Amino acid sequence: MYAVIKTGGKQYKVVPGEKLKVEQIPAEVGAQIVLDQVLLVGDESSVRLGQPIVAGATVTATVLGHGRGDKVKIFKMRRRKHYQKHQGHRQGFTELKIDGIVG
């Protein structure tokens, strides 16, 4: 069984037992969370597609940890104007372990 969920403005295909890094969620490490924005639920024989979400479908997950991703370097320059600007950004993430799919 698999599902497509939406969290943090992005969509992810999830399978029970897999680990996943998503945009940062305010939850404690070890806490169980319920992701209720399920866009699609499928198995070998059938697929249920939501309009936009599948009614009654949920995905349960455990928070494994929080962290920050790799640095993205931003460099702006205007040629012949003596203008250069360096900037960096590290996006926060939450690592989840998918426990089960209901629906």
PDB file of N, CA and C in Angstrom:
ATOM      1  N   MET A   1       0.846  -1.175   0.000  1.00  0.00           N
ATOM      2  CA  MET A   1       0.000   0.000   0.000  1.00  0.00           C
ATOM      3  C   MET A   1       0.891   1.238   0.000  1.00  0.00           C
ATOM      4  N   TYR A   2       0.463   2.264  -0.732  1.00  0.00           N
ATOM      5  CA  TYR A   2       1.208   3.513  -0.790  1.00  0.00           C
ATOM      6  C   TYR A   2       0.229   4.679  -0.793  1.00  0.00           C
ATOM      7  N   ALA A   3       0.756   5.868  -0.547  1.00  0.00           N
ATOM      8  CA  ALA A   3      -0.080   7.062  -0.529  1.00  0.00           C
ATOM      9  C   ALA A   3       0.747   8.249  -1.001  1.00  0.00           C
ATOM     10  N   VAL A   4       0.063   9.269  -1.474  1.00  0.00           N
ATOM     11  CA  VAL A   4       0.688  10.541  -1.808  1.00  0.00           C
ATOM     12  C   VAL A   4       0.138  11.554  -0.825  1.00  0.00           C
ATOM     13  N   ILE A   5       1.046  12.176  -0.051  1.00  0.00           N
ATOM     14  CA  ILE A   5       0.631  13.142   0.963  1.00  0.00           C
ATOM     15  C   ILE A   5       1.151  14.527   0.592  1.00  0.00           C
ATOM     16  N   LYS A   6       0.524  15.531   1.204  1.00  0.00           N
ATOM     17  CA  LYS A   6       0.956  16.904   1.003  1.00  0.00           C
ATOM     18  C   LYS A   6       1.303  17.490   2.363  1.00  0.00           C
ATOM     19  N   THR A   7       2.529  17.981   2.495  1.00  0.00           N
ATOM     20  CA  THR A   7       2.958  18.658   3.708  1.00  0.00           C
ATOM     21  C   THR A   7       4.045  19.664   3.365  1.00  0.00           C
ATOM     22  N   GLY A   8       3.961  20.823   3.944  1.00  0.00           N
ATOM     23  CA  GLY A   8       4.959  21.849   3.700  1.00  0.00           C
ATOM     24  C   GLY A   8       4.954  22.380   2.283  1.00  0.00           C
ATOM     25  N   GLY A   9       3.810  22.297   1.596  1.00  0.00           N
ATOM     26  CA  GLY A   9       3.720  22.795   0.238  1.00  0.00           C
ATOM     27  C   GLY A   9       4.291  21.863  -0.805  1.00  0.00           C
ATOM     28  N   LYS A  10       4.677  20.650  -0.400  1.00  0.00           N
ATOM     29  CA  LYS A  10       5.245  19.679  -1.328  1.00  0.00           C
ATOM     30  C   LYS A  10       4.455  18.373  -1.247  1.00  0.00           C
ATOM     31  N   GLN A  11       4.576  17.546  -2.267  1.00  0.00           N
ATOM     32  CA  GLN A  11       3.897  16.266  -2.296  1.00  0.00           C
ATOM     33  C   GLN A  11       4.930  15.141  -2.256  1.00  0.00           C
ATOM     34  N   TYR A  12       4.629  14.095  -1.477  1.00  0.00           N
ATOM     35  CA  TYR A  12       5.541  12.976  -1.298  1.00  0.00           C
ATOM     36  C   TYR A  12       4.783  11.666  -1.463  1.00  0.00           C
ATOM     37  N   LYS A  13       5.389  10.691  -2.151  1.00  0.00           N
ATOM     38  CA  LYS A  13       4.853   9.346  -2.209  1.00  0.00           C
ATOM     39  C   LYS A  13       5.468   8.572  -1.050  1.00  0.00           C
ATOM     40  N   VAL A  14       4.618   7.978  -0.209  1.00  0.00           N
ATOM     41  CA  VAL A  14       5.104   7.300   0.996  1.00  0.00           C
ATOM     42  C   VAL A  14       4.622   5.854   1.020  1.00  0.00           C
ATOM     43  N   VAL A  15       5.434   5.019   1.649  1.00  0.00           N
ATOM     44  CA  VAL A  15       5.166   3.601   1.842  1.00  0.00           C
ATOM     45  C   VAL A  15       5.439   3.305   3.317  1.00  0.00           C
ATOM     46  N   PRO A  16       4.633   2.466   3.976  1.00  0.00           N
ATOM     47  CA  PRO A  16       4.908   2.148   5.380  1.00  0.00           C
ATOM     48  C   PRO A  16       6.316   1.595   5.576  1.00  0.00           C
ATOM     49  N   GLY A  17       6.995   2.106   6.612  1.00  0.00           N
ATOM     50  CA  GLY A  17       8.342   1.658   6.937  1.00  0.00           C
ATOM     51  C   GLY A  17       9.447   2.530   6.377  1.00  0.00           C
ATOM     52  N   GLU A  18       9.144   3.456   5.479  1.00  0.00           N
ATOM     53  CA  GLU A  18      10.199   4.271   4.884  1.00  0.00           C
ATOM     54  C   GLU A  18      10.462   5.528   5.706  1.00  0.00           C
ATOM     55  N   LYS A  19      11.685   6.043   5.586  1.00  0.00           N
ATOM     56  CA  LYS A  19      12.078   7.295   6.239  1.00  0.00           C
ATOM     57  C   LYS A  19      12.007   8.413   5.218  1.00  0.00           C
ATOM     58  N   LEU A  20      11.639   9.614   5.691  1.00  0.00           N
ATOM     59  CA  LEU A  20      11.346  10.711   4.794  1.00  0.00           C
ATOM     60  C   LEU A  20      11.729  12.026   5.462  1.00  0.00           C
ATOM     61  N   LYS A  21      12.356  12.924   4.705  1.00  0.00           N
ATOM     62  CA  LYS A  21      12.671  14.259   5.201  1.00  0.00           C
ATOM     63  C   LYS A  21      11.686  15.250   4.593  1.00  0.00           C
ATOM     64  N   VAL A  22      10.945  15.947   5.458  1.00  0.00           N
ATOM     65  CA  VAL A  22       9.945  16.916   5.011  1.00  0.00           C
ATOM     66  C   VAL A  22      10.277  18.279   5.610  1.00  0.00           C
ATOM     67  N   GLU A  23       9.559  19.303   5.171  1.00  0.00           N
ATOM     68  CA  GLU A  23       9.730  20.630   5.752  1.00  0.00           C
ATOM     69  C   GLU A  23       9.462  20.552   7.254  1.00  0.00           C
ATOM     70  N   GLN A  24      10.072  21.432   8.014  1.00  0.00           N
ATOM     71  CA  GLN A  24      10.058  21.351   9.468  1.00  0.00           C
ATOM     72  C   GLN A  24       8.638  21.388  10.034  1.00  0.00           C
ATOM     73  N   ILE A  25       8.361  20.434  10.932  1.00  0.00           N
ATOM     74  CA  ILE A  25       7.068  20.318  11.607  1.00  0.00           C
ATOM     75  C   ILE A  25       7.303  20.542  13.097  1.00  0.00           C
ATOM     76  N   PRO A  26       6.511  21.395  13.738  1.00  0.00           N
ATOM     77  CA  PRO A  26       6.702  21.633  15.180  1.00  0.00           C
ATOM     78  C   PRO A  26       6.163  20.470  16.018  1.00  0.00           C
ATOM     79  N   ALA A  27       6.993  19.447  16.214  1.00  0.00           N
ATOM     80  CA  ALA A  27       6.624  18.281  17.016  1.00  0.00           C
ATOM     81  C   ALA A  27       7.871  17.776  17.726  1.00  0.00           C
ATOM     82  N   GLU A  28       7.660  17.154  18.867  1.00  0.00           N
ATOM     83  CA  GLU A  28       8.769  16.618  19.647  1.00  0.00           C
ATOM     84  C   GLU A  28       9.316  15.341  19.000  1.00  0.00           C
ATOM     85  N   VAL A  29      10.591  15.061  19.249  1.00  0.00           N
ATOM     86  CA  VAL A  29      11.214  13.830  18.748  1.00  0.00           C
ATOM     87  C   VAL A  29      10.564  12.645  19.455  1.00  0.00           C
ATOM     88  N   GLY A  30      10.162  11.653  18.684  1.00  0.00           N
ATOM     89  CA  GLY A  30       9.499  10.473  19.229  1.00  0.00           C
ATOM     90  C   GLY A  30       7.985  10.567  19.240  1.00  0.00           C
ATOM     91  N   ALA A  31       7.445  11.718  18.889  1.00  0.00           N
ATOM     92  CA  ALA A  31       5.994  11.909  18.905  1.00  0.00           C
ATOM     93  C   ALA A  31       5.358  11.281  17.672  1.00  0.00           C
ATOM     94  N   GLN A  32       4.121  10.812  17.850  1.00  0.00           N
ATOM     95  CA  GLN A  32       3.330  10.294  16.734  1.00  0.00           C
ATOM     96  C   GLN A  32       2.548  11.460  16.133  1.00  0.00           C
ATOM     97  N   ILE A  33       2.612  11.617  14.821  1.00  0.00           N
ATOM     98  CA  ILE A  33       1.832  12.660  14.168  1.00  0.00           C
ATOM     99  C   ILE A  33       0.940  12.016  13.117  1.00  0.00           C
ATOM    100  N   VAL A  34      -0.148  12.707  12.804  1.00  0.00           N
ATOM    101  CA  VAL A  34      -1.107  12.235  11.815  1.00  0.00           C
ATOM    102  C   VAL A  34      -1.110  13.228  10.666  1.00  0.00           C
ATOM    103  N   LEU A  35      -0.809  12.745   9.475  1.00  0.00           N
ATOM    104  CA  LEU A  35      -0.843  13.569   8.269  1.00  0.00           C
ATOM    105  C   LEU A  35      -2.172  13.288   7.582  1.00  0.00           C
ATOM    106  N   ASP A  36      -3.052  14.293   7.551  1.00  0.00           N
ATOM    107  CA  ASP A  36      -4.401  14.056   7.049  1.00  0.00           C
ATOM    108  C   ASP A  36      -4.640  14.595   5.643  1.00  0.00           C
ATOM    109  N   GLN A  37      -3.676  15.251   5.048  1.00  0.00           N
ATOM    110  CA  GLN A  37      -3.825  15.722   3.673  1.00  0.00           C
ATOM    111  C   GLN A  37      -3.302  14.648   2.727  1.00  0.00           C
ATOM    112  N   VAL A  38      -4.120  13.624   2.522  1.00  0.00           N
ATOM    113  CA  VAL A  38      -3.762  12.499   1.668  1.00  0.00           C
ATOM    114  C   VAL A  38      -4.431  12.718   0.315  1.00  0.00           C
ATOM    115  N   LEU A  39      -3.627  12.801  -0.742  1.00  0.00           N
ATOM    116  CA  LEU A  39      -4.142  13.090  -2.079  1.00  0.00           C
ATOM    117  C   LEU A  39      -4.491  11.833  -2.855  1.00  0.00           C
ATOM    118  N   LEU A  40      -3.834  10.707  -2.543  1.00  0.00           N
ATOM    119  CA  LEU A  40      -4.044   9.463  -3.285  1.00  0.00           C
ATOM    120  C   LEU A  40      -3.691   8.292  -2.391  1.00  0.00           C
ATOM    121  N   VAL A  41      -4.474   7.226  -2.459  1.00  0.00           N
ATOM    122  CA  VAL A  41      -4.183   5.983  -1.743  1.00  0.00           C
ATOM    123  C   VAL A  41      -4.288   4.851  -2.749  1.00  0.00           C
ATOM    124  N   GLY A  42      -3.273   3.991  -2.791  1.00  0.00           N
ATOM    125  CA  GLY A  42      -3.300   2.900  -3.758  1.00  0.00           C
ATOM    126  C   GLY A  42      -2.672   1.637  -3.225  1.00  0.00           C
ATOM    127  N   ASP A  43      -3.044   0.515  -3.833  1.00  0.00           N
ATOM    128  CA  ASP A  43      -2.404  -0.770  -3.588  1.00  0.00           C
ATOM    129  C   ASP A  43      -2.305  -1.488  -4.932  1.00  0.00           C
ATOM    130  N   GLU A  44      -2.054  -2.801  -4.927  1.00  0.00           N
ATOM    131  CA  GLU A  44      -1.863  -3.503  -6.190  1.00  0.00           C
ATOM    132  C   GLU A  44      -3.102  -3.494  -7.080  1.00  0.00           C
ATOM    133  N   SER A  45      -4.290  -3.525  -6.478  1.00  0.00           N
ATOM    134  CA  SER A  45      -5.502  -3.705  -7.277  1.00  0.00           C
ATOM    135  C   SER A  45      -6.287  -2.429  -7.546  1.00  0.00           C
ATOM    136  N   SER A  46      -6.214  -1.435  -6.657  1.00  0.00           N
ATOM    137  CA  SER A  46      -7.058  -0.252  -6.836  1.00  0.00           C
ATOM    138  C   SER A  46      -6.332   1.018  -6.417  1.00  0.00           C
ATOM    139  N   VAL A  47      -6.866   2.136  -6.903  1.00  0.00           N
ATOM    140  CA  VAL A  47      -6.331   3.460  -6.559  1.00  0.00           C
ATOM    141  C   VAL A  47      -7.508   4.364  -6.227  1.00  0.00           C
ATOM    142  N   ARG A  48      -7.422   5.054  -5.082  1.00  0.00           N
ATOM    143  CA  ARG A  48      -8.435   6.045  -4.709  1.00  0.00           C
ATOM    144  C   ARG A  48      -7.811   7.419  -4.833  1.00  0.00           C
ATOM    145  N   LEU A  49      -8.397   8.249  -5.648  1.00  0.00           N
ATOM    146  CA  LEU A  49      -7.890   9.593  -5.917  1.00  0.00           C
ATOM    147  C   LEU A  49      -8.817  10.612  -5.278  1.00  0.00           C
ATOM    148  N   GLY A  50      -8.259  11.547  -4.533  1.00  0.00           N
ATOM    149  CA  GLY A  50      -9.061  12.555  -3.864  1.00  0.00           C
ATOM    150  C   GLY A  50      -9.320  13.754  -4.747  1.00  0.00           C
ATOM    151  N   GLN A  51     -10.331  14.540  -4.341  1.00  0.00           N
ATOM    152  CA  GLN A  51     -10.673  15.753  -5.077  1.00  0.00           C
ATOM    153  C   GLN A  51     -10.857  16.896  -4.096  1.00  0.00           C
ATOM    154  N   PRO A  52      -9.878  17.524  -3.506  1.00  0.00           N
ATOM    155  CA  PRO A  52      -8.451  17.302  -3.664  1.00  0.00           C
ATOM    156  C   PRO A  52      -7.872  16.280  -2.688  1.00  0.00           C
ATOM    157  N   ILE A  53      -8.580  15.963  -1.558  1.00  0.00           N
ATOM    158  CA  ILE A  53      -8.032  14.978  -0.623  1.00  0.00           C
ATOM    159  C   ILE A  53      -8.984  13.798  -0.501  1.00  0.00           C
ATOM    160  N   VAL A  54      -8.451  12.647  -0.122  1.00  0.00           N
ATOM    161  CA  VAL A  54      -9.242  11.435   0.051  1.00  0.00           C
ATOM    162  C   VAL A  54      -9.926  11.511   1.411  1.00  0.00           C
ATOM    163  N   ALA A  55     -11.243  11.392   1.421  1.00  0.00           N
ATOM    164  CA  ALA A  55     -12.017  11.495   2.661  1.00  0.00           C
ATOM    165  C   ALA A  55     -11.720  10.297   3.564  1.00  0.00           C
ATOM    166  N   GLY A  56     -11.394  10.567   4.816  1.00  0.00           N
ATOM    167  CA  GLY A  56     -11.164   9.520   5.801  1.00  0.00           C
ATOM    168  C   GLY A  56      -9.791   8.880   5.766  1.00  0.00           C
ATOM    169  N   ALA A  57      -8.928   9.282   4.869  1.00  0.00           N
ATOM    170  CA  ALA A  57      -7.595   8.678   4.770  1.00  0.00           C
ATOM    171  C   ALA A  57      -6.600   9.474   5.609  1.00  0.00           C
ATOM    172  N   THR A  58      -5.753   8.743   6.334  1.00  0.00           N
ATOM    173  CA  THR A  58      -4.706   9.367   7.141  1.00  0.00           C
ATOM    174  C   THR A  58      -3.432   8.548   7.035  1.00  0.00           C
ATOM    175  N   VAL A  59      -2.321   9.210   7.301  1.00  0.00           N
ATOM    176  CA  VAL A  59      -1.015   8.562   7.364  1.00  0.00           C
ATOM    177  C   VAL A  59      -0.430   8.882   8.733  1.00  0.00           C
ATOM    178  N   THR A  60      -0.019   7.863   9.470  1.00  0.00           N
ATOM    179  CA  THR A  60       0.600   8.075  10.775  1.00  0.00           C
ATOM    180  C   THR A  60       2.105   7.941  10.631  1.00  0.00           C
ATOM    181  N   ALA A  61       2.823   8.793  11.358  1.00  0.00           N
ATOM    182  CA  ALA A  61       4.282   8.807  11.273  1.00  0.00           C
ATOM    183  C   ALA A  61       4.870   9.126  12.643  1.00  0.00           C
ATOM    184  N   THR A  62       6.119   8.728  12.829  1.00  0.00           N
ATOM    185  CA  THR A  62       6.870   9.012  14.043  1.00  0.00           C
ATOM    186  C   THR A  62       7.992   9.981  13.703  1.00  0.00           C
ATOM    187  N   VAL A  63       8.170  10.999  14.545  1.00  0.00           N
ATOM    188  CA  VAL A  63       9.231  11.982  14.331  1.00  0.00           C
ATOM    189  C   VAL A  63      10.544  11.380  14.827  1.00  0.00           C
ATOM    190  N   LEU A  64      11.508  11.244  13.914  1.00  0.00           N
ATOM    191  CA  LEU A  64      12.821  10.687  14.271  1.00  0.00           C
ATOM    192  C   LEU A  64      13.803  11.770  14.692  1.00  0.00           C
ATOM    193  N   GLY A  65      13.677  12.961  14.129  1.00  0.00           N
ATOM    194  CA  GLY A  65      14.606  14.027  14.486  1.00  0.00           C
ATOM    195  C   GLY A  65      14.397  15.258  13.632  1.00  0.00           C
ATOM    196  N   HIS A  66      15.114  16.296  14.030  1.00  0.00           N
ATOM    197  CA  HIS A  66      15.092  17.558  13.302  1.00  0.00           C
ATOM    198  C   HIS A  66      16.517  17.891  12.880  1.00  0.00           C
ATOM    199  N   GLY A  67      16.652  18.659  11.830  1.00  0.00           N
ATOM    200  CA  GLY A  67      17.983  19.042  11.384  1.00  0.00           C
ATOM    201  C   GLY A  67      17.916  20.172  10.382  1.00  0.00           C
ATOM    202  N   ARG A  68      19.076  20.458   9.805  1.00  0.00           N
ATOM    203  CA  ARG A  68      19.165  21.496   8.785  1.00  0.00           C
ATOM    204  C   ARG A  68      19.865  20.916   7.575  1.00  0.00           C
ATOM    205  N   GLY A  69      19.364  21.256   6.406  1.00  0.00           N
ATOM    206  CA  GLY A  69      19.895  20.711   5.165  1.00  0.00           C
ATOM    207  C   GLY A  69      21.221  21.325   4.781  1.00  0.00           C
ATOM    208  N   ASP A  70      21.726  20.944   3.621  1.00  0.00           N
ATOM    209  CA  ASP A  70      22.973  21.478   3.110  1.00  0.00           C
ATOM    210  C   ASP A  70      22.828  22.959   2.795  1.00  0.00           C
ATOM    211  N   LYS A  71      23.947  23.662   2.845  1.00  0.00           N
ATOM    212  CA  LYS A  71      23.922  25.093   2.576  1.00  0.00           C
ATOM    213  C   LYS A  71      23.729  25.360   1.087  1.00  0.00           C
ATOM    214  N   VAL A  72      22.832  26.279   0.804  1.00  0.00           N
ATOM    215  CA  VAL A  72      22.625  26.766  -0.553  1.00  0.00           C
ATOM    216  C   VAL A  72      23.283  28.134  -0.627  1.00  0.00           C
ATOM    217  N   LYS A  73      24.210  28.303  -1.557  1.00  0.00           N
ATOM    218  CA  LYS A  73      24.924  29.567  -1.682  1.00  0.00           C
ATOM    219  C   LYS A  73      24.240  30.455  -2.710  1.00  0.00           C
ATOM    220  N   ILE A  74      24.035  31.709  -2.326  1.00  0.00           N
ATOM    221  CA  ILE A  74      23.423  32.694  -3.212  1.00  0.00           C
ATOM    222  C   ILE A  74      24.481  33.740  -3.525  1.00  0.00           C
ATOM    223  N   PHE A  75      24.715  34.010  -4.797  1.00  0.00           N
ATOM    224  CA  PHE A  75      25.710  34.988  -5.212  1.00  0.00           C
ATOM    225  C   PHE A  75      25.081  35.910  -6.244  1.00  0.00           C
ATOM    226  N   LYS A  76      25.047  37.199  -5.902  1.00  0.00           N
ATOM    227  CA  LYS A  76      24.502  38.194  -6.822  1.00  0.00           C
ATOM    228  C   LYS A  76      25.625  39.112  -7.262  1.00  0.00           C
ATOM    229  N   MET A  77      25.614  39.471  -8.535  1.00  0.00           N
ATOM    230  CA  MET A  77      26.668  40.335  -9.058  1.00  0.00           C
ATOM    231  C   MET A  77      26.122  41.182 -10.204  1.00  0.00           C
ATOM    232  N   ARG A  78      26.536  42.435 -10.233  1.00  0.00           N
ATOM    233  CA  ARG A  78      26.256  43.316 -11.365  1.00  0.00           C
ATOM    234  C   ARG A  78      27.590  43.630 -12.021  1.00  0.00           C
ATOM    235  N   ARG A  79      27.740  43.240 -13.251  1.00  0.00           N
ATOM    236  CA  ARG A  79      29.031  43.439 -13.900  1.00  0.00           C
ATOM    237  C   ARG A  79      29.296  44.921 -14.127  1.00  0.00           C
ATOM    238  N   ARG A  80      30.553  45.285 -13.976  1.00  0.00           N
ATOM    239  CA  ARG A  80      31.075  46.645 -14.176  1.00  0.00           C
ATOM    240  C   ARG A  80      30.543  47.655 -13.166  1.00  0.00           C
ATOM    241  N   LYS A  81      29.866  47.215 -12.113  1.00  0.00           N
ATOM    242  CA  LYS A  81      29.283  48.145 -11.132  1.00  0.00           C
ATOM    243  C   LYS A  81      29.893  47.996  -9.747  1.00  0.00           C
ATOM    244  N   HIS A  82      30.864  47.111  -9.581  1.00  0.00           N
ATOM    245  CA  HIS A  82      31.503  46.842  -8.285  1.00  0.00           C
ATOM    246  C   HIS A  82      30.476  46.421  -7.231  1.00  0.00           C
ATOM    247  N   TYR A  83      29.521  45.603  -7.633  1.00  0.00           N
ATOM    248  CA  TYR A  83      28.494  45.107  -6.710  1.00  0.00           C
ATOM    249  C   TYR A  83      28.549  43.587  -6.686  1.00  0.00           C
ATOM    250  N   GLN A  84      28.826  43.050  -5.520  1.00  0.00           N
ATOM    251  CA  GLN A  84      28.783  41.609  -5.300  1.00  0.00           C
ATOM    252  C   GLN A  84      28.150  41.363  -3.944  1.00  0.00           C
ATOM    253  N   LYS A  85      27.291  40.358  -3.861  1.00  0.00           N
ATOM    254  CA  LYS A  85      26.637  40.026  -2.601  1.00  0.00           C
ATOM    255  C   LYS A  85      26.650  38.512  -2.432  1.00  0.00           C
ATOM    256  N   HIS A  86      27.175  38.044  -1.294  1.00  0.00           N
ATOM    257  CA  HIS A  86      27.221  36.626  -0.963  1.00  0.00           C
ATOM    258  C   HIS A  86      26.219  36.367   0.154  1.00  0.00           C
ATOM    259  N   GLN A  87      25.479  35.267   0.026  1.00  0.00           N
ATOM    260  CA  GLN A  87      24.507  34.923   1.050  1.00  0.00           C
ATOM    261  C   GLN A  87      24.364  33.410   1.077  1.00  0.00           C
ATOM    262  N   GLY A  88      24.008  32.858   2.229  1.00  0.00           N
ATOM    263  CA  GLY A  88      23.805  31.413   2.350  1.00  0.00           C
ATOM    264  C   GLY A  88      22.515  31.120   3.091  1.00  0.00           C
ATOM    265  N   HIS A  89      21.986  29.911   2.887  1.00  0.00           N
ATOM    266  CA  HIS A  89      20.732  29.515   3.526  1.00  0.00           C
ATOM    267  C   HIS A  89      20.754  28.022   3.804  1.00  0.00           C
ATOM    268  N   ARG A  90      20.296  27.631   4.988  1.00  0.00           N
ATOM    269  CA  ARG A  90      20.136  26.227   5.342  1.00  0.00           C
ATOM    270  C   ARG A  90      18.690  26.028   5.794  1.00  0.00           C
ATOM    271  N   GLN A  91      17.965  25.204   5.057  1.00  0.00           N
ATOM    272  CA  GLN A  91      16.548  24.967   5.341  1.00  0.00           C
ATOM    273  C   GLN A  91      16.403  23.901   6.419  1.00  0.00           C
ATOM    274  N   GLY A  92      15.520  24.136   7.371  1.00  0.00           N
ATOM    275  CA  GLY A  92      15.249  23.157   8.407  1.00  0.00           C
ATOM    276  C   GLY A  92      14.367  22.029   7.892  1.00  0.00           C
ATOM    277  N   PHE A  93      14.564  20.808   8.439  1.00  0.00           N
ATOM    278  CA  PHE A  93      13.742  19.675   8.042  1.00  0.00           C
ATOM    279  C   PHE A  93      13.400  18.826   9.257  1.00  0.00           C
ATOM    280  N   THR A  94      12.387  17.989   9.089  1.00  0.00           N
ATOM    281  CA  THR A  94      11.993  17.003  10.082  1.00  0.00           C
ATOM    282  C   THR A  94      12.058  15.635   9.419  1.00  0.00           C
ATOM    283  N   GLU A  95      12.711  14.680  10.078  1.00  0.00           N
ATOM    284  CA  GLU A  95      12.796  13.329   9.535  1.00  0.00           C
ATOM    285  C   GLU A  95      11.684  12.484  10.144  1.00  0.00           C
ATOM    286  N   LEU A  96      10.885  11.856   9.274  1.00  0.00           N
ATOM    287  CA  LEU A  96       9.754  11.045   9.708  1.00  0.00           C
ATOM    288  C   LEU A  96       9.955   9.600   9.309  1.00  0.00           C
ATOM    289  N   LYS A  97       9.353   8.694  10.100  1.00  0.00           N
ATOM    290  CA  LYS A  97       9.263   7.275   9.735  1.00  0.00           C
ATOM    291  C   LYS A  97       7.785   6.981   9.586  1.00  0.00           C
ATOM    292  N   ILE A  98       7.391   6.535   8.403  1.00  0.00           N
ATOM    293  CA  ILE A  98       5.983   6.270   8.124  1.00  0.00           C
ATOM    294  C   ILE A  98       5.584   4.953   8.787  1.00  0.00           C
ATOM    295  N   ASP A  99       4.585   5.020   9.666  1.00  0.00           N
ATOM    296  CA  ASP A  99       4.135   3.836  10.407  1.00  0.00           C
ATOM    297  C   ASP A  99       3.015   3.104   9.693  1.00  0.00           C
ATOM    298  N   GLY A 100       2.024   3.836   9.224  1.00  0.00           N
ATOM    299  CA  GLY A 100       0.893   3.160   8.599  1.00  0.00           C
ATOM    300  C   GLY A 100       0.043   4.094   7.776  1.00  0.00           C
ATOM    301  N   ILE A 101      -0.731   3.490   6.888  1.00  0.00           N
ATOM    302  CA  ILE A 101      -1.657   4.225   6.032  1.00  0.00           C
ATOM    303  C   ILE A 101      -3.042   3.672   6.279  1.00  0.00           C
ATOM    304  N   VAL A 102      -3.971   4.551   6.614  1.00  0.00           N
ATOM    305  CA  VAL A 102      -5.359   4.151   6.859  1.00  0.00           C
ATOM    306  C   VAL A 102      -6.227   4.785   5.782  1.00  0.00           C
ATOM    307  N   GLY A 103      -7.034   3.991   5.128  1.00  0.00           N
ATOM    308  CA  GLY A 103      -7.940   4.565   4.128  1.00  0.00           C
ATOM    309  C   GLY A 103      -7.814   3.805   2.884  1.00  0.00           C
TER     310      GLY A 103
END
